[in-house]
């Protein structure tokens, strides 16, 4: 994720190295003064990609300085992540009505939509069907090639030839198994994620008509500005962690590696990059935040706060039983009226022959009430761990991504809106893609 910042640092170091190499090494050099001047002019001449990269580097340094000063100012004022002096005051809102099961529903919808779209693309001819491996032909004894039965007929040179050809064959097979990025493949990935999101939202809307606003996809006043301010506070520390991790192991991303042009290519494929920018910088932030933050963290928050409220209620009942005499006739009916289940907690109403639960259930525990505020903190850490594990296979990138997800989860917990995390995610991925485009243009 911090590929752009890492590239800017490398470019700044290389620029300084080029500046040191412009001076002639010896006064007895046979080159004329005009040749030295022309070579120096060629070295220090900056093209549009270098100018753009230098401007971005200056902006990143300015963002680091601003972020550091803001963090110092907040801590000096006594601000804390949670409590009365929280960095972001918690917003009262509706209690989540969905469970963690919808997180699994999204996975099933993604598999179903991707498989269906892949079959449609293969039927039209936009994507090639996977080639069948000829394992059966090689195992057939009738098709096996004839080999010499006389060991003397084979010279040492002939014996060593298969060993030298084996690595080349292995490299060709690996290259064949990893096809390059193409417009149909990126289109398939984008449509698959969007279709799974739409399917899950439709299922949520069947359970509650205002599911889109309840989960936080409708922006409220101040969400967009909060998202950009949060990006200034969250991304610089994340980039520092990513830079420290890159010193231990080089960061590699298959998509970014595939975008780097080879020597045989005439230039970068801008059509693939444009579609990849839409997928990475626009679609991916919306889908991942809806999936991880909305469905998973929101479902865990519902479960955690319900369990916590039940524990608190049990303590309150125990304290009331100690203070209330056993001869009080109203003691037992009060205990029965205050005993609720998870179904009653999520859907308060009336039951046959009983009084409405809204009388006994606290207002903050009602689903239809809009003054609920989250209490538990551990859902943020669990969702961040899942988010980091989803990026497994990218070196040590899950380490900084875990801390990035903590910031995104904190935004969603305090605001109940997905717009600020989406904007932070968009800024990070967009910056990475812009840096990649500059590197492609320079190459």
Protein backbone atom coordinates (compact mmCIF):
# COMPACT_ATOMS: atom_id res chain seq x y z
CA UNK A 1 0.00 0.00 0.00
CA UNK A 2 2.92 2.38 0.62
CA UNK A 3 4.48 1.60 -2.75
CA UNK A 4 4.14 5.23 -3.83
CA UNK A 5 5.95 6.64 -0.79
CA UNK A 6 8.68 4.02 -1.11
CA UNK A 7 9.11 4.90 -4.81
CA UNK A 8 9.34 8.62 -4.04
CA UNK A 9 12.09 7.98 -1.48
CA UNK A 10 14.06 5.87 -3.93
CA UNK A 11 13.70 8.51 -6.63
CA UNK A 12 14.92 11.28 -4.32
CA UNK A 13 18.01 9.26 -3.42
CA UNK A 14 18.76 8.49 -7.06
CA UNK A 15 18.37 12.18 -7.98
CA UNK A 16 20.93 13.15 -5.36
CA UNK A 17 23.28 10.48 -6.64
CA UNK A 18 22.94 11.79 -10.19
CA UNK A 19 23.69 15.30 -8.99
CA UNK A 20 26.96 14.14 -7.41
CA UNK A 21 27.98 12.35 -10.59
CA UNK A 22 27.85 15.47 -12.78
CA UNK A 23 31.32 16.77 -11.81
CA UNK A 24 34.30 15.48 -13.87
CA UNK A 25 36.52 13.04 -12.02
CA UNK A 26 39.88 14.24 -13.34
CA UNK A 27 41.17 17.48 -14.85
CA UNK A 28 43.12 15.49 -17.46
CA UNK A 29 39.90 14.14 -18.96
CA UNK A 30 39.96 14.27 -22.75
CA UNK A 31 36.39 15.56 -23.01
CA UNK A 32 35.99 19.21 -23.83
CA UNK A 33 34.25 21.74 -21.65
CA UNK A 34 31.29 21.87 -23.99
CA UNK A 35 30.80 18.10 -23.80
CA UNK A 36 30.96 18.22 -20.01
CA UNK A 37 28.40 21.01 -19.96
CA UNK A 38 26.09 19.15 -22.31
CA UNK A 39 26.35 15.97 -20.26
CA UNK A 40 25.65 17.91 -17.07
CA UNK A 41 22.65 19.55 -18.66
CA UNK A 42 21.31 16.17 -19.69
CA UNK A 43 21.72 14.81 -16.18
CA UNK A 44 20.02 17.67 -14.35
CA UNK A 45 17.24 18.10 -16.90
CA UNK A 46 13.92 17.08 -15.38
CA UNK A 47 11.03 15.81 -17.45
CA UNK A 48 7.34 15.97 -16.58
CA UNK A 49 7.39 12.64 -14.66
CA UNK A 50 10.32 13.78 -12.52
CA UNK A 51 8.66 17.13 -11.83
CA UNK A 52 5.39 15.44 -10.89
CA UNK A 53 7.18 12.98 -8.64
CA UNK A 54 9.15 15.74 -6.92
CA UNK A 55 5.93 17.71 -6.28
CA UNK A 56 4.30 14.62 -4.77
CA UNK A 57 7.38 14.03 -2.64
CA UNK A 58 7.18 17.58 -1.29
CA UNK A 59 3.47 17.14 -0.57
CA UNK A 60 4.14 13.88 1.26
CA UNK A 61 6.83 15.50 3.39
CA UNK A 62 4.44 18.35 4.17
CA UNK A 63 1.74 15.81 5.10
CA UNK A 64 4.16 14.08 7.47
CA UNK A 65 5.02 17.34 9.20
CA UNK A 66 1.36 18.35 9.48
CA UNK A 67 0.35 14.95 10.81
CA UNK A 68 3.09 15.01 13.45
CA UNK A 69 2.12 18.49 14.63
CA UNK A 70 -1.57 17.55 14.80
CA UNK A 71 -0.86 14.42 16.84
CA UNK A 72 1.28 16.42 19.28
CA UNK A 73 -1.43 19.07 19.62
CA UNK A 74 -4.15 16.49 20.29
CA UNK A 75 -2.11 14.65 22.91
CA UNK A 76 -1.10 17.92 24.55
CA UNK A 77 -4.78 18.82 24.93
CA UNK A 78 -5.44 15.54 26.69
CA UNK A 79 -7.34 13.87 23.86
CA UNK A 80 -7.77 10.10 24.02
CA UNK A 81 -9.19 7.50 21.60
CA UNK A 82 -12.28 6.83 23.73
CA UNK A 83 -14.17 8.51 26.51
CA UNK A 84 -15.37 12.07 27.03
CA UNK A 85 -12.21 13.52 25.40
CA UNK A 86 -12.14 11.24 22.38
CA UNK A 87 -10.36 12.24 19.19
CA UNK A 88 -13.69 11.87 17.38
CA UNK A 89 -16.84 12.15 19.52
CA UNK A 90 -19.06 9.09 19.22
CA UNK A 91 -22.31 9.65 17.34
CA UNK A 92 -25.63 8.30 18.61
CA UNK A 93 -27.28 6.09 16.00
CA UNK A 94 -29.43 3.01 15.46
CA UNK A 95 -28.35 -0.34 16.78
CA UNK A 96 -27.07 -2.67 13.99
CA UNK A 97 -29.77 -5.14 13.01
CA UNK A 98 -27.51 -7.47 10.99
CA UNK A 99 -25.27 -10.24 12.29
CA UNK A 100 -21.85 -11.60 11.36
CA UNK A 101 -23.63 -14.13 9.16
CA UNK A 102 -23.90 -11.48 6.44
CA UNK A 103 -20.11 -11.45 6.25
CA UNK A 104 -20.30 -15.07 5.09
CA UNK A 105 -23.24 -14.23 2.82
CA UNK A 106 -21.07 -11.70 1.00
CA UNK A 107 -18.37 -14.34 0.42
CA UNK A 108 -20.94 -16.69 -1.08
CA UNK A 109 -22.35 -13.92 -3.26
CA UNK A 110 -18.84 -13.05 -4.46
CA UNK A 111 -18.07 -16.66 -5.40
CA UNK A 112 -21.42 -17.06 -7.13
CA UNK A 113 -21.22 -13.80 -9.11
CA UNK A 114 -17.58 -14.31 -10.11
CA UNK A 115 -18.25 -17.85 -11.34
CA UNK A 116 -21.34 -16.76 -13.27
CA UNK A 117 -19.57 -13.81 -14.89
CA UNK A 118 -16.52 -15.90 -15.72
CA UNK A 119 -18.69 -18.43 -17.52
CA UNK A 120 -20.42 -15.64 -19.45
CA UNK A 121 -17.09 -14.06 -20.44
CA UNK A 122 -15.73 -17.42 -21.59
CA UNK A 123 -18.88 -18.11 -23.62
CA UNK A 124 -18.59 -14.77 -25.41
CA UNK A 125 -14.87 -15.29 -25.97
CA UNK A 126 -13.55 -12.39 -23.92
CA UNK A 127 -11.60 -14.74 -21.64
CA UNK A 128 -9.89 -17.92 -22.75
CA UNK A 129 -10.95 -21.16 -21.17
CA UNK A 130 -8.30 -22.87 -18.99
CA UNK A 131 -6.23 -25.30 -21.01
CA UNK A 132 -6.54 -28.92 -19.98
CA UNK A 133 -3.34 -30.53 -18.75
CA UNK A 134 -2.13 -33.46 -20.78
CA UNK A 135 -1.49 -35.68 -17.82
CA UNK A 136 -3.47 -38.61 -19.21
CA UNK A 137 -1.50 -38.64 -22.46
CA UNK A 138 1.82 -38.71 -20.66
CA UNK A 139 0.74 -41.64 -18.50
CA UNK A 140 -0.50 -43.72 -21.47
CA UNK A 141 2.09 -46.43 -22.20
CA UNK A 142 1.24 -46.35 -25.92
CA UNK A 143 2.25 -42.70 -26.19
CA UNK A 144 5.44 -42.96 -24.14
CA UNK A 145 8.56 -42.21 -26.19
CA UNK A 146 11.02 -45.02 -26.84
CA UNK A 147 14.16 -44.90 -24.72
CA UNK A 148 17.48 -46.64 -25.21
CA UNK A 149 17.86 -49.86 -23.27
CA UNK A 150 21.62 -49.96 -23.59
CA UNK A 151 23.18 -47.78 -20.88
CA UNK A 152 26.51 -47.75 -22.71
CA UNK A 153 24.94 -45.92 -25.65
CA UNK A 154 24.29 -42.88 -23.45
CA UNK A 155 27.25 -40.59 -22.99
CA UNK A 156 27.70 -38.34 -19.96
CA UNK A 157 26.87 -35.31 -22.10
CA UNK A 158 23.56 -36.84 -23.12
CA UNK A 159 22.70 -37.66 -19.52
CA UNK A 160 23.28 -34.07 -18.36
CA UNK A 161 21.13 -32.50 -21.12
CA UNK A 162 17.73 -33.18 -19.43
CA UNK A 163 19.01 -31.69 -16.18
CA UNK A 164 19.91 -28.44 -17.95
CA UNK A 165 16.58 -28.25 -19.77
CA UNK A 166 14.46 -28.93 -16.68
CA UNK A 167 14.80 -25.47 -15.10
CA UNK A 168 13.88 -23.78 -18.39
CA UNK A 169 10.78 -25.93 -18.69
CA UNK A 170 9.80 -25.11 -15.13
CA UNK A 171 10.18 -21.39 -15.77
CA UNK A 172 8.04 -21.64 -18.92
CA UNK A 173 5.30 -23.48 -17.03
CA UNK A 174 5.28 -20.86 -14.24
CA UNK A 175 5.07 -18.07 -16.79
CA UNK A 176 2.21 -19.82 -18.53
CA UNK A 177 0.29 -20.22 -15.27
CA UNK A 178 0.51 -16.48 -14.42
CA UNK A 179 -1.17 -14.58 -17.29
CA UNK A 180 -0.72 -10.85 -17.62
CA UNK A 181 -3.39 -8.40 -16.63
CA UNK A 182 -6.00 -7.67 -19.29
CA UNK A 183 -9.07 -5.49 -19.63
CA UNK A 184 -11.54 -8.43 -19.57
CA UNK A 185 -9.97 -9.88 -16.42
CA UNK A 186 -10.10 -6.55 -14.61
CA UNK A 187 -13.66 -6.00 -15.79
CA UNK A 188 -14.61 -9.44 -14.48
CA UNK A 189 -13.06 -8.69 -11.08
CA UNK A 190 -14.77 -5.30 -10.80
CA UNK A 191 -18.20 -6.60 -11.84
CA UNK A 192 -17.87 -9.56 -9.48
CA UNK A 193 -17.23 -7.33 -6.45
CA UNK A 194 -19.98 -4.89 -7.36
CA UNK A 195 -22.49 -7.69 -7.99
CA UNK A 196 -21.73 -9.32 -4.64
CA UNK A 197 -22.19 -5.98 -2.90
CA UNK A 198 -25.52 -5.36 -4.61
CA UNK A 199 -26.77 -8.86 -3.78
CA UNK A 200 -25.84 -8.48 -0.11
CA UNK A 201 -27.47 -5.05 0.07
CA UNK A 202 -30.65 -6.43 -1.46
CA UNK A 203 -30.78 -9.16 1.18
CA UNK A 204 -30.23 -6.55 3.89
CA UNK A 205 -32.98 -4.36 2.47
CA UNK A 206 -35.38 -7.29 2.59
CA UNK A 207 -34.87 -7.39 6.37
CA UNK A 208 -34.94 -3.63 6.84
CA UNK A 209 -35.98 -1.02 4.31
CA UNK A 210 -33.45 1.56 5.57
CA UNK A 211 -30.52 -0.88 5.54
CA UNK A 212 -28.37 1.33 3.29
CA UNK A 213 -28.50 4.26 5.72
CA UNK A 214 -28.28 2.01 8.80
CA UNK A 215 -25.03 0.45 7.63
CA UNK A 216 -23.52 3.87 6.88
CA UNK A 217 -23.40 4.15 3.09
CA UNK A 218 -25.34 7.43 2.93
CA UNK A 219 -23.05 10.38 3.73
CA UNK A 220 -23.98 12.67 6.56
CA UNK A 221 -22.93 16.23 7.19
CA UNK A 222 -19.20 16.50 7.76
CA UNK A 223 -18.33 12.93 6.73
CA UNK A 224 -16.35 13.89 3.62
CA UNK A 225 -14.26 16.51 5.40
CA UNK A 226 -13.68 14.13 8.29
CA UNK A 227 -12.46 11.50 5.83
CA UNK A 228 -9.80 13.77 4.31
CA UNK A 229 -8.68 15.04 7.72
CA UNK A 230 -8.46 11.47 8.97
CA UNK A 231 -6.37 10.51 5.94
CA UNK A 232 -3.88 13.19 6.96
CA UNK A 233 -3.72 11.71 10.46
CA UNK A 234 -3.75 7.98 9.64
CA UNK A 235 -1.76 7.54 6.42
CA UNK A 236 1.62 9.13 7.40
CA UNK A 237 2.10 6.86 10.45
CA UNK A 238 1.03 3.88 8.34
CA UNK A 239 3.60 4.80 5.68
CA UNK A 240 6.31 5.02 8.34
CA UNK A 241 5.44 1.53 9.54
CA UNK A 242 5.43 0.29 5.94
CA UNK A 243 8.85 1.84 5.31
CA UNK A 244 10.28 0.18 8.42
CA UNK A 245 8.80 -3.16 7.39
CA UNK A 246 10.19 -2.79 3.85
CA UNK A 247 13.69 -2.61 5.30
CA UNK A 248 13.27 -6.15 6.63
CA UNK A 249 11.56 -7.58 3.54
CA UNK A 250 10.87 -5.99 0.17
CA UNK A 251 7.22 -5.21 -0.42
CA UNK A 252 5.75 -6.94 -3.45
CA UNK A 253 2.25 -6.71 -4.85
CA UNK A 254 1.30 -8.85 -7.86
CA UNK A 255 -0.77 -6.09 -9.43
CA UNK A 256 1.97 -3.47 -9.11
CA UNK A 257 4.57 -5.92 -10.40
CA UNK A 258 2.42 -6.70 -13.43
CA UNK A 259 2.09 -3.00 -14.25
CA UNK A 260 5.84 -2.51 -14.53
CA UNK A 261 6.70 -2.49 -18.27
CA UNK A 262 9.24 -5.00 -19.55
CA UNK A 263 12.16 -4.14 -21.79
CA UNK A 264 10.40 -5.70 -24.76
CA UNK A 265 7.32 -3.53 -24.37
CA UNK A 266 7.07 -0.27 -26.28
CA UNK A 267 5.28 1.42 -23.40
CA UNK A 268 2.79 0.96 -20.57
CA UNK A 269 -0.72 -0.21 -21.29
CA UNK A 270 -2.74 2.82 -20.24
CA UNK A 271 -6.07 1.10 -20.89
CA UNK A 272 -5.23 -1.57 -18.33
CA UNK A 273 -3.99 1.08 -15.91
CA UNK A 274 -7.16 3.18 -16.27
CA UNK A 275 -9.39 0.21 -15.53
CA UNK A 276 -7.12 -0.89 -12.70
CA UNK A 277 -7.31 2.61 -11.23
CA UNK A 278 -11.11 2.41 -11.22
CA UNK A 279 -10.97 -1.03 -9.61
CA UNK A 280 -8.30 -0.25 -7.02
CA UNK A 281 -9.01 3.37 -6.11
CA UNK A 282 -12.81 3.49 -6.44
CA UNK A 283 -14.43 0.05 -6.30
CA UNK A 284 -12.11 -1.69 -3.84
CA UNK A 285 -12.43 0.91 -1.04
CA UNK A 286 -16.23 0.78 -1.21
CA UNK A 287 -16.43 -3.02 -1.35
CA UNK A 288 -13.80 -3.74 1.32
CA UNK A 289 -15.15 -1.16 3.77
CA UNK A 290 -18.69 -2.40 3.27
CA UNK A 291 -17.55 -6.00 3.74
CA UNK A 292 -15.03 -5.62 6.60
CA UNK A 293 -16.18 -2.53 8.44
CA UNK A 294 -19.92 -2.63 7.79
CA UNK A 295 -20.82 -6.32 7.81
CA UNK A 296 -18.09 -7.83 9.99
CA UNK A 297 -17.32 -5.08 12.48
CA UNK A 298 -20.95 -3.94 12.66
CA UNK A 299 -22.16 -7.50 13.25
CA UNK A 300 -19.50 -8.06 15.91
CA UNK A 301 -20.43 -4.77 17.57
CA UNK A 302 -24.07 -5.86 17.77
CA UNK A 303 -23.08 -9.18 19.33
CA UNK A 304 -20.54 -7.67 21.73
CA UNK A 305 -22.82 -4.93 23.03
CA UNK A 306 -25.72 -7.35 23.46
CA UNK A 307 -23.57 -9.69 25.56
CA UNK A 308 -22.20 -6.77 27.54
CA UNK A 309 -25.70 -5.42 28.19
CA UNK A 310 -26.83 -8.85 29.41
CA UNK A 311 -23.89 -9.02 31.83
CA UNK A 312 -24.65 -5.56 33.15
CA UNK A 313 -28.32 -6.41 33.52
CA UNK A 314 -27.50 -9.54 35.50
CA UNK A 315 -25.37 -7.48 37.90
CA UNK A 316 -28.17 -4.94 38.29
CA UNK A 317 -30.67 -7.71 39.06
CA UNK A 318 -28.30 -9.21 41.62
CA UNK A 319 -27.91 -5.84 43.33
CA UNK A 320 -31.69 -5.32 43.29
CA UNK A 321 -32.31 -8.76 44.78
CA UNK A 322 -30.03 -7.95 47.71
CA UNK A 323 -31.76 -4.65 48.45
CA UNK A 324 -35.34 -5.95 47.95
CA UNK A 325 -36.89 -8.03 50.81
CA UNK A 326 -37.94 -11.56 49.96
CA UNK A 327 -41.43 -10.83 51.27
CA UNK A 328 -42.02 -8.19 48.61
CA UNK A 329 -44.67 -9.61 46.26
CA UNK A 330 -43.56 -7.44 43.37
CA UNK A 331 -40.00 -8.78 43.39
CA UNK A 332 -40.50 -11.89 41.25
CA UNK A 333 -42.69 -10.27 38.56
CA UNK A 334 -40.08 -7.53 38.13
CA UNK A 335 -37.36 -10.12 37.55
CA UNK A 336 -39.44 -11.88 34.94
CA UNK A 337 -40.23 -8.65 33.11
CA UNK A 338 -36.57 -7.65 32.91
CA UNK A 339 -35.32 -11.00 31.63
CA UNK A 340 -34.88 -10.66 27.85
CA UNK A 341 -33.47 -12.82 25.10
CA UNK A 342 -31.39 -11.90 22.09
CA UNK A 343 -34.47 -12.00 19.86
CA UNK A 344 -36.27 -9.62 22.17
CA UNK A 345 -33.19 -7.43 22.30
CA UNK A 346 -32.99 -7.18 18.52
CA UNK A 347 -36.76 -6.94 17.90
CA UNK A 348 -38.56 -5.45 20.89
CA UNK A 349 -42.33 -5.78 20.80
CA UNK A 350 -45.22 -7.43 22.48
CA UNK A 351 -45.71 -11.11 23.15
CA UNK A 352 -48.92 -13.03 23.75
CA UNK A 353 -50.16 -12.38 27.26
CA UNK A 354 -47.21 -10.19 28.23
CA UNK A 355 -46.64 -6.48 28.49
CA UNK A 356 -44.63 -4.61 25.82
CA UNK A 357 -40.89 -5.09 26.24
CA UNK A 358 -40.35 -1.41 25.49
CA UNK A 359 -41.46 -0.67 29.03
CA UNK A 360 -38.74 -2.76 30.68
CA UNK A 361 -35.93 -2.69 28.09
CA UNK A 362 -33.63 0.34 28.37
CA UNK A 363 -33.93 2.87 25.55
CA UNK A 364 -30.31 2.43 24.43
CA UNK A 365 -30.95 -1.30 23.82
CA UNK A 366 -33.88 -0.88 21.43
CA UNK A 367 -33.26 -1.44 17.73
CA UNK A 368 -35.61 1.33 16.60
CA UNK A 369 -34.06 3.90 18.92
CA UNK A 370 -31.53 6.23 17.33
CA UNK A 371 -29.63 7.13 20.52
CA UNK A 372 -27.54 3.94 20.77
CA UNK A 373 -23.75 4.29 21.10
CA UNK A 374 -21.21 1.45 20.88
CA UNK A 375 -19.55 0.21 24.04
CA UNK A 376 -17.25 -2.72 23.19
CA UNK A 377 -13.84 -2.09 21.58
CA UNK A 378 -12.63 -5.57 20.61
CA UNK A 379 -14.67 -5.75 17.34
CA UNK A 380 -12.32 -3.14 15.88
CA UNK A 381 -9.30 -5.38 16.56
CA UNK A 382 -10.96 -8.54 15.24
CA UNK A 383 -12.03 -6.84 12.00
CA UNK A 384 -8.53 -5.37 11.59
CA UNK A 385 -6.96 -8.80 12.02
CA UNK A 386 -9.24 -10.24 9.33
CA UNK A 387 -8.43 -7.31 7.04
CA UNK A 388 -4.70 -7.91 7.47
CA UNK A 389 -5.00 -11.65 6.86
CA UNK A 390 -6.87 -10.98 3.60
CA UNK A 391 -3.62 -9.44 2.28
CA UNK A 392 -1.54 -12.47 3.21
CA UNK A 393 1.09 -13.26 0.57
CA UNK A 394 2.28 -9.66 0.10
CA UNK A 395 5.36 -10.00 2.25
CA UNK A 396 5.12 -8.20 5.59
CA UNK A 397 2.39 -5.87 4.34
CA UNK A 398 -0.24 -7.32 6.75
CA UNK A 399 1.62 -5.64 9.65
CA UNK A 400 1.11 -2.01 8.54
CA UNK A 401 -2.30 -2.87 7.08
CA UNK A 402 -3.41 -4.05 10.51
CA UNK A 403 -2.61 -0.65 12.00
CA UNK A 404 -4.27 1.06 9.03
CA UNK A 405 -7.39 -1.01 9.64
CA UNK A 406 -7.39 0.02 13.30
CA UNK A 407 -7.71 3.62 12.20
CA UNK A 408 -10.45 2.82 9.70
CA UNK A 409 -12.32 0.72 12.25
CA UNK A 410 -12.05 3.51 14.80
CA UNK A 411 -13.65 5.92 12.33
CA UNK A 412 -16.55 3.56 11.73
CA UNK A 413 -17.05 2.83 15.42
CA UNK A 414 -17.18 6.49 16.39
CA UNK A 415 -19.28 7.77 13.49
CA UNK A 416 -21.31 4.77 12.30
CA UNK A 417 -20.64 5.93 8.74
CA UNK A 418 -18.61 4.15 6.07
CA UNK A 419 -17.87 7.37 4.18
CA UNK A 420 -14.79 8.48 6.23
CA UNK A 421 -13.08 5.03 6.01
CA UNK A 422 -13.87 4.84 2.29
CA UNK A 423 -12.26 8.25 1.69
CA UNK A 424 -9.11 7.31 3.63
CA UNK A 425 -8.92 4.04 1.68
CA UNK A 426 -9.46 5.93 -1.58
CA UNK A 427 -6.68 8.43 -0.83
CA UNK A 428 -4.20 5.66 -0.04
CA UNK A 429 -4.96 3.53 -3.11
CA UNK A 430 -5.22 6.59 -5.36
CA UNK A 431 -1.82 7.87 -4.23
CA UNK A 432 -0.31 4.46 -4.83
CA UNK A 433 -1.73 4.27 -8.36
CA UNK A 434 -0.59 7.81 -9.23
CA UNK A 435 2.94 6.96 -8.11
CA UNK A 436 2.81 3.78 -10.16
CA UNK A 437 1.69 5.75 -13.23
CA UNK A 438 4.62 8.14 -12.86
CA UNK A 439 7.02 5.20 -12.60
CA UNK A 440 5.48 3.62 -15.70
CA UNK A 441 5.90 6.87 -17.63
CA UNK A 442 9.51 7.23 -16.54
CA UNK A 443 10.30 3.64 -17.54
